[in-house]
Amino acid sequence: MGYLGSWLPTSIAVVSIVAMVQQGATAKTAREVNQIAQAITVKVAHTGGNGSGILLQKDSNVYTVLTAAHVVKGKANRKLTIETPDGQQYEVLVGSVRIYAGDVDLAVVKFRSSNNYKLANLGNSNILAGGMDLYVAGFPAPTAVITQSIFVFREGKVTANSKRAFKDGYALLYSNDTLPGMSGGPILNEEGKVVGIHGKGDREQGNGAKTGFNAGIPIARFADIARDLNVQTAVAGTVQSSTLTADDYFVSANQKNRNKDYQGALADYNRAITLNPDYAVAYNNRGVLKQNKLNDPQGALADHNRAITLNPNFAIFYNNRGLLKHENLNDFQGALADYNRSITLNPNDAEAYYNRGTLKHEKLNDFQGALADYNRSIALNPNFAKAYNNRGFLKKKLDDPQGALDDFNKALQINPQYTNVYAARGSLKARQLNDLPGGIADLRQAAHLARAQGQTQLLQSILEALNQLGSAE
């Protein structure tokens, strides 16, 4: 990483930010924290999209915004703007984008305004521990369905807080659901103080199981590098310790999992659990790893069972065990019971409805029940391309070809690289909608994408379909 452009004149005084945790501070309601988050969170926009940031400090009429470096990195040749909580838009001052040159994904930018905006109150991230309430805010990027980026506030819990420095400074994990575009937004504690900057969300590849790895940079890491960003702060920095904790191993395991070092990840999950035998999320993540990467479904089942025993009120655990029973153990009634429990605990989880709908559709022949679940999933997440795809296949079964076409069109509007949908839409057009040229065009596009993506089996089936239509590719 490096700096973008020249820095503002050094004659401008830098205001010191004092943000030590006060004694006797009381927790606020989620509604109150939401109000604070709305007042301090800004949208960082450019011609290619947007991220989020926080109003950090003000000197005269110049505001400093703290954000994730990847939100602004490489955008020097694009027009960067800040949208403040009152809807006003300001151009980022020329030369004010400063990206930390080391391995921490943070940056600051500046804009000028005569309006008075509330500044973030920074808290002590060193005291965060698993199970504490945590909130994440930001502006998800526009999509084909939700065409405007609006403020979003998500509730959750601390999953882990490692004192070690990992890649790009990410060491704070939490269960909050996050969306693209929220990077750079604030992570707030129950007092409404900013204790981190959000940057990453994660799902397991393949079946989409939630890993719990939604990651941010603790504000203590910002304190370590603030002077390099020309910002002064009295926030407590990172506490270095030679003794590794369960959280340290847990965060390390997630990093290794992302880097495809699955045996290394397993070893670190094992160590985290040894140090903390009641570490429910570590059992969950180890179970997901065993299921999807290590071909150990029985070991995965034991881990998911243990996670649920330790925390029987965490919806994600039931969703993940349901996926295991559904996809690996052929225990469809057990999977249905787990999905039901997950939805009872979290009625707003679009993915749980999608998973239950897929089970009813593909394994239980409950087509009307599946349709209701897909409808609910899409209502909760209008950008859920997989749900539109599956509902399209279901509508084909229910002899609703026009409804199927509409769903396939929507899925491709959201994800233009969705190979399976091109193949499905091509078959639908050619065989049920009397649109042979359109069907062949879709199948050829599907073949092109499958070849580029290395999907050999899918490519073979697409080529066979083209041959059957008398149009060899």
Protein backbone atom coordinates (compact mmCIF):
# COMPACT_ATOMS: atom_id res chain seq x y z
CA MET A 1 0.00 0.00 0.00
CA GLY A 2 1.01 3.61 -0.39
CA TYR A 3 -0.20 7.16 -0.32
CA LEU A 4 -2.51 8.62 -2.96
CA GLY A 5 -1.62 12.13 -4.02
CA SER A 6 -0.04 14.80 -1.84
CA TRP A 7 -1.13 15.43 1.75
CA LEU A 8 -2.95 18.55 2.92
CA PRO A 9 -0.79 21.45 4.16
CA THR A 10 0.86 20.59 7.46
CA SER A 11 -0.09 23.97 8.88
CA ILE A 12 -3.60 22.67 9.51
CA ALA A 13 -3.79 21.68 13.16
CA VAL A 14 -4.75 18.10 13.96
CA VAL A 15 -7.37 17.76 16.69
CA SER A 16 -6.59 15.12 19.26
CA ILE A 17 -9.33 12.48 19.71
CA VAL A 18 -9.85 11.46 23.30
CA ALA A 19 -11.93 8.30 23.50
CA MET A 20 -11.08 6.39 26.64
CA VAL A 21 -13.85 4.29 28.12
CA GLN A 22 -15.38 6.11 31.07
CA GLN A 23 -16.15 4.39 34.31
CA GLY A 24 -19.80 3.69 35.02
CA ALA A 25 -20.89 3.91 31.37
CA THR A 26 -24.30 2.39 30.79
CA ALA A 27 -25.50 0.25 27.92
CA LYS A 28 -27.86 1.82 25.40
CA THR A 29 -30.74 0.21 23.60
CA ALA A 30 -30.22 -0.98 20.03
CA ARG A 31 -32.45 1.87 18.88
CA GLU A 32 -30.24 4.39 20.64
CA VAL A 33 -27.06 2.90 19.16
CA ASN A 34 -28.73 2.96 15.73
CA GLN A 35 -29.36 6.69 16.11
CA ILE A 36 -25.71 7.26 17.00
CA ALA A 37 -24.55 5.14 14.07
CA GLN A 38 -26.73 7.03 11.62
CA ALA A 39 -25.30 10.34 12.80
CA ILE A 40 -21.62 9.37 12.37
CA THR A 41 -21.70 7.05 9.33
CA VAL A 42 -21.05 8.39 5.82
CA LYS A 43 -21.14 6.92 2.35
CA VAL A 44 -17.81 6.98 0.48
CA ALA A 45 -18.79 6.93 -3.19
CA HIS A 46 -16.94 6.81 -6.49
CA THR A 47 -17.86 6.13 -10.11
CA GLY A 48 -17.44 2.38 -9.66
CA GLY A 49 -19.46 1.89 -6.47
CA ASN A 50 -19.35 2.83 -2.83
CA GLY A 51 -18.18 1.95 0.65
CA SER A 52 -18.73 3.47 4.07
CA GLY A 53 -16.82 5.46 6.66
CA ILE A 54 -17.10 7.34 9.95
CA LEU A 55 -16.82 11.01 10.80
CA LEU A 56 -13.65 10.95 12.86
CA GLN A 57 -12.64 14.54 13.55
CA LYS A 58 -13.09 18.16 12.50
CA ASP A 59 -10.59 21.01 12.24
CA SER A 60 -12.14 24.35 11.34
CA ASN A 61 -14.43 23.32 8.46
CA VAL A 62 -12.41 20.27 7.34
CA TYR A 63 -13.71 16.84 8.35
CA THR A 64 -11.65 13.65 8.47
CA VAL A 65 -13.31 10.35 7.58
CA LEU A 66 -11.88 6.99 8.64
CA THR A 67 -12.62 4.08 6.30
CA ALA A 68 -11.19 0.79 5.03
CA ALA A 69 -8.27 1.23 2.67
CA HIS A 70 -9.77 -1.08 0.03
CA VAL A 71 -12.73 1.31 -0.26
CA VAL A 72 -10.52 4.07 -1.67
CA LYS A 73 -7.37 2.28 -2.83
CA GLY A 74 -6.89 2.59 -6.58
CA LYS A 75 -9.61 5.23 -6.85
CA ALA A 76 -7.24 8.20 -7.24
CA ASN A 77 -8.36 8.72 -10.84
CA ARG A 78 -12.04 8.61 -9.90
CA LYS A 79 -14.19 11.29 -8.35
CA LEU A 80 -14.57 10.44 -4.65
CA THR A 81 -17.48 11.94 -2.76
CA ILE A 82 -18.71 11.81 0.82
CA GLU A 83 -22.44 11.67 1.49
CA THR A 84 -23.17 12.86 5.03
CA PRO A 85 -26.10 11.79 7.24
CA ASP A 86 -28.19 14.77 6.09
CA GLY A 87 -27.93 13.65 2.46
CA GLN A 88 -25.41 16.34 1.44
CA GLN A 89 -22.62 15.32 -0.93
CA TYR A 90 -19.09 16.69 -0.77
CA GLU A 91 -16.09 16.10 -3.00
CA VAL A 92 -13.09 14.59 -1.24
CA LEU A 93 -10.36 17.20 -1.04
CA VAL A 94 -7.65 16.78 -3.63
CA GLY A 95 -4.64 15.06 -2.11
CA SER A 96 -6.43 14.15 1.11
CA VAL A 97 -6.67 10.40 0.54
CA ARG A 98 -4.10 8.78 2.78
CA ILE A 99 -3.73 5.00 2.90
CA TYR A 100 -1.69 3.30 5.58
CA ALA A 101 1.50 2.00 4.01
CA GLY A 102 1.68 -1.13 6.17
CA ASP A 103 -0.44 -4.24 6.63
CA VAL A 104 -3.59 -2.64 8.07
CA ASP A 105 -6.59 -2.03 5.80
CA LEU A 106 -7.31 1.54 6.93
CA ALA A 107 -7.29 4.96 5.29
CA VAL A 108 -8.50 8.50 5.90
CA VAL A 109 -9.99 11.08 3.52
CA LYS A 110 -11.09 14.69 4.04
CA PHE A 111 -13.86 16.98 2.89
CA ARG A 112 -14.84 20.56 3.61
CA SER A 113 -18.22 21.62 5.01
CA SER A 114 -19.57 24.49 7.11
CA ASN A 115 -22.27 22.19 8.55
CA ASN A 116 -21.91 20.69 12.01
CA TYR A 117 -21.89 16.90 12.06
CA LYS A 118 -21.62 14.54 15.00
CA LEU A 119 -18.20 12.90 15.39
CA ALA A 120 -17.57 9.29 16.35
CA ASN A 121 -16.75 8.54 19.97
CA LEU A 122 -14.06 5.86 19.99
CA GLY A 123 -14.10 3.06 22.56
CA ASN A 124 -11.70 0.47 23.91
CA SER A 125 -11.70 -2.60 21.67
CA ASN A 126 -9.25 -4.44 23.92
CA ILE A 127 -12.00 -5.31 26.41
CA LEU A 128 -14.34 -6.90 23.86
CA ALA A 129 -15.04 -10.58 24.47
CA GLY A 130 -17.16 -13.30 22.94
CA GLY A 131 -20.89 -12.91 23.49
CA MET A 132 -20.90 -9.12 23.95
CA ASP A 133 -23.43 -7.11 21.96
CA LEU A 134 -22.01 -5.51 18.82
CA TYR A 135 -23.48 -3.42 16.02
CA VAL A 136 -22.34 -2.78 12.44
CA ALA A 137 -23.57 0.02 10.18
CA GLY A 138 -22.95 1.16 6.64
CA PHE A 139 -24.28 1.71 3.14
CA PRO A 140 -24.66 -1.51 1.12
CA ALA A 141 -23.87 -1.03 -2.55
CA PRO A 142 -26.79 -0.67 -4.99
CA THR A 143 -27.87 -3.78 -6.86
CA ALA A 144 -30.13 -4.61 -9.75
CA VAL A 145 -33.07 -4.87 -7.33
CA ILE A 146 -32.24 -2.33 -4.61
CA THR A 147 -31.12 0.51 -6.84
CA GLN A 148 -30.17 3.01 -4.14
CA SER A 149 -27.62 2.62 -1.37
CA ILE A 150 -29.36 3.23 1.96
CA PHE A 151 -28.16 3.17 5.56
CA VAL A 152 -28.27 -0.28 7.17
CA PHE A 153 -27.79 -1.19 10.84
CA ARG A 154 -27.15 -4.79 11.92
CA GLU A 155 -27.19 -6.30 15.41
CA GLY A 156 -24.98 -9.20 16.49
CA LYS A 157 -22.46 -10.54 18.97
CA VAL A 158 -18.70 -10.60 19.35
CA THR A 159 -17.42 -13.96 18.09
CA ALA A 160 -13.73 -13.48 18.85
CA ASN A 161 -11.26 -10.69 19.60
CA SER A 162 -7.69 -11.64 18.88
CA LYS A 163 -4.87 -9.56 20.30
CA ARG A 164 -2.58 -10.77 17.54
CA ALA A 165 -2.21 -8.85 14.30
CA PHE A 166 -3.46 -10.87 11.31
CA LYS A 167 -3.46 -10.04 7.61
CA ASP A 168 -4.62 -6.47 6.94
CA GLY A 169 -5.19 -5.94 10.66
CA TYR A 170 -8.40 -8.00 10.85
CA ALA A 171 -8.72 -9.50 14.32
CA LEU A 172 -12.28 -8.77 15.48
CA LEU A 173 -14.95 -11.30 14.47
CA TYR A 174 -18.70 -10.99 14.92
CA SER A 175 -21.98 -12.62 13.96
CA ASN A 176 -23.64 -9.56 12.37
CA ASP A 177 -24.86 -10.13 8.83
CA THR A 178 -23.11 -7.66 6.53
CA LEU A 179 -23.37 -6.70 2.87
CA PRO A 180 -20.97 -5.41 0.18
CA GLY A 181 -20.64 -1.65 0.50
CA MET A 182 -20.63 -1.69 4.30
CA SER A 183 -16.83 -1.92 4.31
CA GLY A 184 -15.35 1.01 6.20
CA GLY A 185 -18.44 1.44 8.33
CA PRO A 186 -18.40 1.53 12.13
CA ILE A 187 -18.52 -1.37 14.55
CA LEU A 188 -20.12 -0.09 17.75
CA ASN A 189 -20.33 -1.44 21.28
CA GLU A 190 -23.39 -1.33 23.51
CA GLU A 191 -22.45 2.20 24.62
CA GLY A 192 -22.57 3.48 21.04
CA LYS A 193 -18.79 3.89 20.85
CA VAL A 194 -16.86 2.87 17.75
CA VAL A 195 -14.67 -0.13 18.59
CA GLY A 196 -13.73 -1.16 15.08
CA ILE A 197 -14.01 -0.65 11.33
CA HIS A 198 -15.90 -3.28 9.34
CA GLY A 199 -14.22 -4.75 6.28
CA LYS A 200 -15.05 -8.36 5.47
CA GLY A 201 -17.87 -10.88 5.46
CA ASP A 202 -17.56 -14.55 4.68
CA ARG A 203 -19.47 -17.68 3.81
CA GLU A 204 -18.24 -21.18 3.23
CA GLN A 205 -17.70 -21.93 -0.44
CA GLY A 206 -19.91 -24.61 -1.91
CA ASN A 207 -23.03 -24.74 0.23
CA GLY A 208 -22.97 -21.16 1.49
CA ALA A 209 -22.87 -22.10 5.18
CA LYS A 210 -22.28 -19.14 7.45
CA THR A 211 -18.91 -19.39 9.11
CA GLY A 212 -19.31 -16.55 11.60
CA PHE A 213 -16.27 -14.89 9.99
CA ASN A 214 -17.49 -11.33 9.59
CA ALA A 215 -14.38 -9.35 10.29
CA GLY A 216 -13.29 -5.90 11.29
CA ILE A 217 -10.19 -4.06 12.39
CA PRO A 218 -10.24 -3.27 16.13
CA ILE A 219 -9.99 0.44 16.84
CA ALA A 220 -6.89 -0.38 18.91
CA ARG A 221 -5.10 -1.26 15.66
CA PHE A 222 -6.05 2.18 14.35
CA ALA A 223 -4.52 3.68 17.50
CA ASP A 224 -1.26 1.90 16.64
CA ILE A 225 -1.04 3.58 13.22
CA ALA A 226 -2.96 6.83 13.74
CA ARG A 227 0.14 9.03 13.65
CA ASP A 228 1.13 7.52 10.29
CA LEU A 229 -2.25 8.70 9.00
CA ASN A 230 -1.62 12.17 10.49
CA VAL A 231 -4.24 11.63 13.20
CA GLN A 232 -3.67 11.86 16.94
CA THR A 233 -5.64 9.65 19.29
CA ALA A 234 -5.71 8.71 22.96
CA VAL A 235 -7.44 5.39 22.31
CA ALA A 236 -5.71 2.39 23.85
CA GLY A 237 -3.52 0.55 21.34
CA THR A 238 -3.08 -3.15 20.82
CA VAL A 239 -1.89 -5.11 23.83
CA GLN A 240 0.81 -7.53 22.73
CA SER A 241 1.15 -10.74 24.68
CA SER A 242 3.35 -13.78 24.25
CA THR A 243 0.57 -16.03 25.57
CA LEU A 244 -1.88 -16.99 22.83
CA THR A 245 -5.55 -17.19 23.74
CA ALA A 246 -8.39 -19.28 22.37
CA ASP A 247 -9.53 -16.25 20.36
CA ASP A 248 -6.06 -15.92 18.83
CA TYR A 249 -6.17 -19.51 17.60
CA PHE A 250 -9.77 -19.14 16.44
CA VAL A 251 -9.00 -16.09 14.29
CA SER A 252 -5.86 -17.79 12.99
CA ALA A 253 -7.92 -20.85 12.02
CA ASN A 254 -10.32 -18.70 10.03
CA GLN A 255 -7.43 -17.04 8.23
CA LYS A 256 -5.92 -20.42 7.34
CA ASN A 257 -9.29 -21.68 6.17
CA ARG A 258 -9.58 -18.70 3.81
CA ASN A 259 -6.05 -19.42 2.57
CA LYS A 260 -7.05 -23.08 1.90
CA ASP A 261 -4.71 -24.39 4.59
CA TYR A 262 -7.38 -26.74 5.89
CA GLN A 263 -5.14 -28.92 8.05
CA GLY A 264 -3.62 -25.83 9.61
CA ALA A 265 -7.10 -24.46 10.24
CA LEU A 266 -8.15 -27.74 11.86
CA ALA A 267 -5.12 -27.65 14.16
CA ASP A 268 -5.91 -24.11 15.26
CA TYR A 269 -9.60 -24.86 15.88
CA ASN A 270 -8.48 -27.84 17.95
CA ARG A 271 -6.16 -25.64 19.98
CA ALA A 272 -8.85 -22.99 20.51
CA ILE A 273 -11.23 -25.64 21.80
CA THR A 274 -8.55 -27.14 24.04
CA LEU A 275 -8.01 -23.73 25.64
CA ASN A 276 -11.75 -23.05 25.84
CA PRO A 277 -13.84 -26.25 25.85
CA ASP A 278 -17.04 -24.15 25.82
CA TYR A 279 -16.16 -22.24 22.63
CA ALA A 280 -19.41 -22.85 20.75
CA VAL A 281 -18.53 -20.92 17.58
CA ALA A 282 -15.23 -22.77 17.29
CA TYR A 283 -17.12 -26.08 17.31
CA ASN A 284 -19.46 -24.68 14.65
CA ASN A 285 -16.65 -23.52 12.37
CA ARG A 286 -14.71 -26.75 12.84
CA GLY A 287 -17.88 -28.64 11.91
CA VAL A 288 -18.29 -26.59 8.72
CA LEU A 289 -14.63 -27.26 7.88
CA LYS A 290 -15.00 -31.00 8.42
CA GLN A 291 -18.16 -31.10 6.34
CA ASN A 292 -17.01 -29.07 3.33
CA LYS A 293 -13.25 -29.52 3.15
CA LEU A 294 -12.18 -32.59 5.12
CA ASN A 295 -14.89 -35.12 4.13
CA ASP A 296 -15.69 -35.95 7.74
CA PRO A 297 -19.49 -35.67 8.04
CA GLN A 298 -19.69 -37.63 11.29
CA GLY A 299 -17.03 -35.46 12.87
CA ALA A 300 -18.91 -32.43 11.59
CA LEU A 301 -22.14 -33.72 13.14
CA ALA A 302 -20.46 -34.18 16.52
CA ASP A 303 -19.14 -30.62 16.37
CA HIS A 304 -22.48 -29.11 15.39
CA ASN A 305 -24.20 -31.06 18.16
CA ARG A 306 -21.70 -29.74 20.67
CA ALA A 307 -22.10 -26.16 19.44
CA ILE A 308 -25.87 -26.40 19.86
CA THR A 309 -25.54 -27.95 23.32
CA LEU A 310 -23.37 -25.02 24.36
CA ASN A 311 -25.58 -22.37 22.75
CA PRO A 312 -29.06 -23.70 21.92
CA ASN A 313 -30.34 -20.27 20.92
CA PHE A 314 -27.98 -19.47 18.03
CA ALA A 315 -29.93 -19.85 14.76
CA ILE A 316 -26.86 -20.25 12.55
CA PHE A 317 -25.85 -23.44 14.35
CA TYR A 318 -29.15 -25.14 13.45
CA ASN A 319 -28.95 -23.87 9.87
CA ASN A 320 -25.48 -25.35 9.44
CA ARG A 321 -26.42 -28.67 11.03
CA GLY A 322 -29.48 -28.74 8.78
CA LEU A 323 -27.25 -28.31 5.74
CA LEU A 324 -25.07 -31.20 6.92
CA LYS A 325 -28.06 -33.51 7.40
CA HIS A 326 -29.55 -32.37 4.09
CA GLU A 327 -26.47 -32.55 1.88
CA ASN A 328 -24.25 -35.18 3.49
CA LEU A 329 -26.24 -37.45 5.77
CA ASN A 330 -29.54 -37.90 3.87
CA ASP A 331 -31.40 -37.17 7.08
CA PHE A 332 -34.09 -35.05 5.48
CA GLN A 333 -36.54 -35.00 8.38
CA GLY A 334 -33.71 -34.09 10.74
CA ALA A 335 -32.66 -31.32 8.36
CA LEU A 336 -36.24 -30.03 8.22
CA ALA A 337 -36.42 -29.92 12.01
CA ASP A 338 -33.15 -27.96 12.16
CA TYR A 339 -34.23 -25.47 9.51
CA ASN A 340 -37.53 -25.00 11.34
CA ARG A 341 -35.68 -24.30 14.58
CA SER A 342 -33.29 -21.89 12.85
CA ILE A 343 -36.22 -19.94 11.40
CA THR A 344 -38.02 -19.90 14.75
CA LEU A 345 -34.95 -18.35 16.37
CA ASN A 346 -34.32 -15.93 13.48
CA PRO A 347 -37.43 -15.36 11.34
CA ASN A 348 -35.55 -12.86 9.14
CA ASP A 349 -32.82 -15.16 7.82
CA ALA A 350 -33.37 -15.36 4.06
CA GLU A 351 -30.85 -18.16 3.70
CA ALA A 352 -32.60 -20.45 6.17
CA TYR A 353 -35.85 -20.12 4.20
CA TYR A 354 -33.91 -20.79 0.99
CA ASN A 355 -32.33 -23.91 2.45
CA ARG A 356 -35.66 -25.19 3.74
CA GLY A 357 -37.29 -24.43 0.41
CA THR A 358 -34.59 -26.37 -1.42
CA LEU A 359 -35.10 -29.34 0.90
CA LYS A 360 -38.86 -29.33 0.36
CA HIS A 361 -38.41 -28.86 -3.38
CA GLU A 362 -35.72 -31.47 -4.07
CA LYS A 363 -36.17 -34.08 -1.34
CA LEU A 364 -39.63 -33.86 0.23
CA ASN A 365 -41.79 -33.16 -2.87
CA ASP A 366 -43.56 -30.39 -0.97
CA PHE A 367 -43.72 -27.99 -3.89
CA GLN A 368 -46.19 -25.53 -2.42
CA GLY A 369 -44.23 -25.40 0.83
CA ALA A 370 -41.05 -24.84 -1.19
CA LEU A 371 -42.69 -22.04 -3.16
CA ALA A 372 -43.76 -20.32 0.05
CA ASP A 373 -40.21 -20.56 1.43
CA TYR A 374 -38.61 -19.23 -1.76
CA ASN A 375 -41.11 -16.36 -1.76
CA ARG A 376 -40.24 -15.51 1.82
CA SER A 377 -36.50 -15.76 1.15
CA ILE A 378 -36.78 -13.33 -1.77
CA ALA A 379 -38.98 -10.97 0.23
CA LEU A 380 -36.27 -10.81 2.89
CA ASN A 381 -33.41 -10.55 0.38
CA PRO A 382 -34.51 -9.23 -3.03
CA ASN A 383 -30.95 -9.72 -4.32
CA PHE A 384 -30.85 -13.47 -3.65
CA ALA A 385 -30.02 -14.78 -7.15
CA LYS A 386 -29.95 -18.44 -6.05
CA ALA A 387 -33.47 -18.16 -4.67
CA TYR A 388 -34.77 -16.74 -7.96
CA ASN A 389 -33.00 -19.56 -9.81
CA ASN A 390 -34.49 -22.30 -7.62
CA ARG A 391 -37.94 -20.74 -7.71
CA GLY A 392 -37.67 -20.64 -11.50
CA PHE A 393 -36.96 -24.38 -11.62
CA LEU A 394 -39.87 -25.00 -9.26
CA LYS A 395 -42.24 -22.93 -11.41
CA LYS A 396 -41.24 -25.07 -14.39
CA LYS A 397 -42.38 -28.09 -12.41
CA LEU A 398 -45.59 -26.30 -11.52
CA ASP A 399 -46.29 -25.63 -15.24
CA ASP A 400 -45.68 -21.89 -14.98
CA PRO A 401 -43.13 -21.30 -17.77
CA GLN A 402 -43.67 -17.53 -17.90
CA GLY A 403 -43.15 -17.27 -14.13
CA ALA A 404 -40.02 -19.40 -14.49
CA LEU A 405 -38.73 -17.09 -17.23
CA ASP A 406 -39.32 -14.03 -15.07
CA ASP A 407 -37.33 -15.60 -12.22
CA PHE A 408 -34.45 -16.65 -14.47
CA ASN A 409 -34.36 -13.13 -15.93
CA LYS A 410 -34.20 -11.66 -12.43
CA ALA A 411 -31.43 -14.04 -11.35
CA LEU A 412 -29.33 -13.01 -14.37
CA GLN A 413 -30.07 -9.35 -13.75
CA ILE A 414 -28.55 -9.77 -10.30
CA ASN A 415 -25.70 -12.08 -11.38
CA PRO A 416 -24.87 -11.91 -15.12
CA GLN A 417 -22.25 -14.67 -14.69
CA TYR A 418 -24.71 -17.27 -13.38
CA THR A 419 -23.95 -20.16 -15.76
CA ASN A 420 -26.67 -22.52 -14.57
CA VAL A 421 -29.38 -19.93 -15.11
CA TYR A 422 -28.37 -19.32 -18.71
CA ALA A 423 -28.56 -23.07 -19.27
CA ALA A 424 -31.95 -23.32 -17.55
CA ARG A 425 -33.37 -20.32 -19.37
CA GLY A 426 -32.06 -21.60 -22.69
CA SER A 427 -33.76 -24.95 -22.20
CA LEU A 428 -36.98 -23.23 -21.11
CA LYS A 429 -37.05 -20.95 -24.16
CA ALA A 430 -36.28 -23.72 -26.63
CA ARG A 431 -38.57 -26.40 -25.25
CA GLN A 432 -41.48 -24.59 -23.61
CA LEU A 433 -41.66 -21.03 -24.93
CA ASN A 434 -41.15 -21.69 -28.67
CA ASP A 435 -38.12 -19.41 -28.76
CA LEU A 436 -35.49 -21.65 -30.35
CA PRO A 437 -33.06 -18.85 -31.36
CA GLY A 438 -33.22 -17.34 -27.86
CA GLY A 439 -32.73 -20.77 -26.29
CA ILE A 440 -29.69 -21.54 -28.43
CA ALA A 441 -28.20 -18.11 -27.64
CA ASP A 442 -28.59 -18.71 -23.90
CA LEU A 443 -27.11 -22.21 -24.09
CA ARG A 444 -24.13 -20.92 -26.05
CA GLN A 445 -23.58 -18.22 -23.42
CA ALA A 446 -23.83 -20.90 -20.74
CA ALA A 447 -21.25 -23.01 -22.56
CA HIS A 448 -18.92 -20.01 -22.84
CA LEU A 449 -19.17 -19.30 -19.11
CA ALA A 450 -18.84 -22.96 -18.11
CA ARG A 451 -15.68 -23.29 -20.21
CA ALA A 452 -14.19 -20.11 -18.74
CA GLN A 453 -15.06 -21.21 -15.20
CA GLY A 454 -13.73 -24.75 -15.63
CA GLN A 455 -17.14 -26.37 -15.03
CA THR A 456 -16.43 -29.47 -17.09
CA GLN A 457 -19.49 -31.56 -16.24
CA LEU A 458 -21.88 -28.66 -16.72
CA LEU A 459 -20.22 -27.80 -20.02
CA GLN A 460 -20.71 -31.36 -21.27
CA SER A 461 -24.43 -31.32 -20.45
CA ILE A 462 -24.86 -27.94 -22.16
CA LEU A 463 -23.12 -29.18 -25.31
CA GLU A 464 -25.37 -32.24 -25.34
CA ALA A 465 -28.43 -29.98 -25.09
CA LEU A 466 -27.17 -27.89 -28.00
CA ASN A 467 -26.63 -31.03 -30.07
CA GLN A 468 -30.19 -32.17 -29.33
CA LEU A 469 -31.44 -28.83 -30.62
CA GLY A 470 -29.43 -29.30 -33.80
CA SER A 471 -27.00 -26.53 -33.00
CA ALA A 472 -23.59 -27.94 -32.11
CA GLU A 473 -21.40 -25.27 -30.58
